[in-house]
C-alpha cells in the first residue's frame, strides 16, 4: 500500500469529519455521526460507512433509526465481508424499509501535490461549467459531472473524446470524474485529462479526491498512474438497490477473458433498465 504521509493523513481526517460531522467514538475503532430525518439529508448521506486503512477504523454517518441494527451487523461481520456484495445485501436489508439502500464498496483515493504525475500525451482544453453543460454528452461521459467547477477535455475534429471534471464536494475537496469515448482506440486519453484536472485542483488550493469501484480496472489504473493513493473503502446510500457489472478491462491485450460460470450463475432477478 502507498505510504500515507502525516500531511495526507490530516487531509483525509478532515475529509472524514466533513462527511461524518460530530463523529464520536462509539466502540474501539468505531466512530459514529448520528442524524435523523428531521434534518434535510442528501440521499447519499443517509448512510455512509468508511474504513480507513491507516488505523483500521470505521467512520459511520447514519440515521438514528437504523444505528443499532447496523452496528449489530458490523460487530458480527468480518470487515472483508462488510465491504463486499455480501455487506451491500445485508445493509440494504436493514435500510429497505426506510426507502434507500447502499452502493459499494468503492475504493477511496487521495493525493499529495508532491507525488502528482503530470501526463501530457495530448492537448487538453479547459472548459467552464457552462461550456461542459453545453458540449459534453452525458450519455457517453456519464462519470463526469455537469455541475462541475471546471472541465478538462481532449477533442478530435472539435468533438470531445475524453473528459475529466472537478465537482465541489465541500470541505476544500473536489471529486474527479473521468471518461473517454469507448469508440476511440487511443491510449492515454483518460490519464491525460485526469492528470490535468488534478494539477489544476492543486494550483487552486483544492484537494483532489476519487472513488472507484473494485470492478473498474481501467479507471483504477488511470488514477494510480496519476499519483492517487488508496485510503480505504466506503459504502454509501443510494435510492435503488443496484448491482455492479462484471469486471471491466483485461490484464493485458494478449490474455483472453472467459466467464468462469455457465449461464445458470447469472442473476436472473436483475431488473433491466
Foldseek 3Di string as FASTA:
>chain_A
DDDQDPVNVVVVVLVLCVLQPPWDDDDVLETEREDAPVDDDDQFSQWKWWQFVVVRHIYIYHYPVQVVVVVVVVVVDDPVCCQDVNVQVSQQVRCVVVQKGKDDWWWKWWFDPVQFDADPPADKDKAALVVCLVAPDCVQQVQEDSNFRIKIFGDDPNHTFKIWGWHDPDPLETEIGIGGGPVDPDPPRGLNRSSVRCVVSVVVSGIYMYIGHPLAVVVVVSCVVRGIDTTTIMMTMDRDSDDDDGRDDDPDPVDDDDDPDDPVPDDPPDDDD
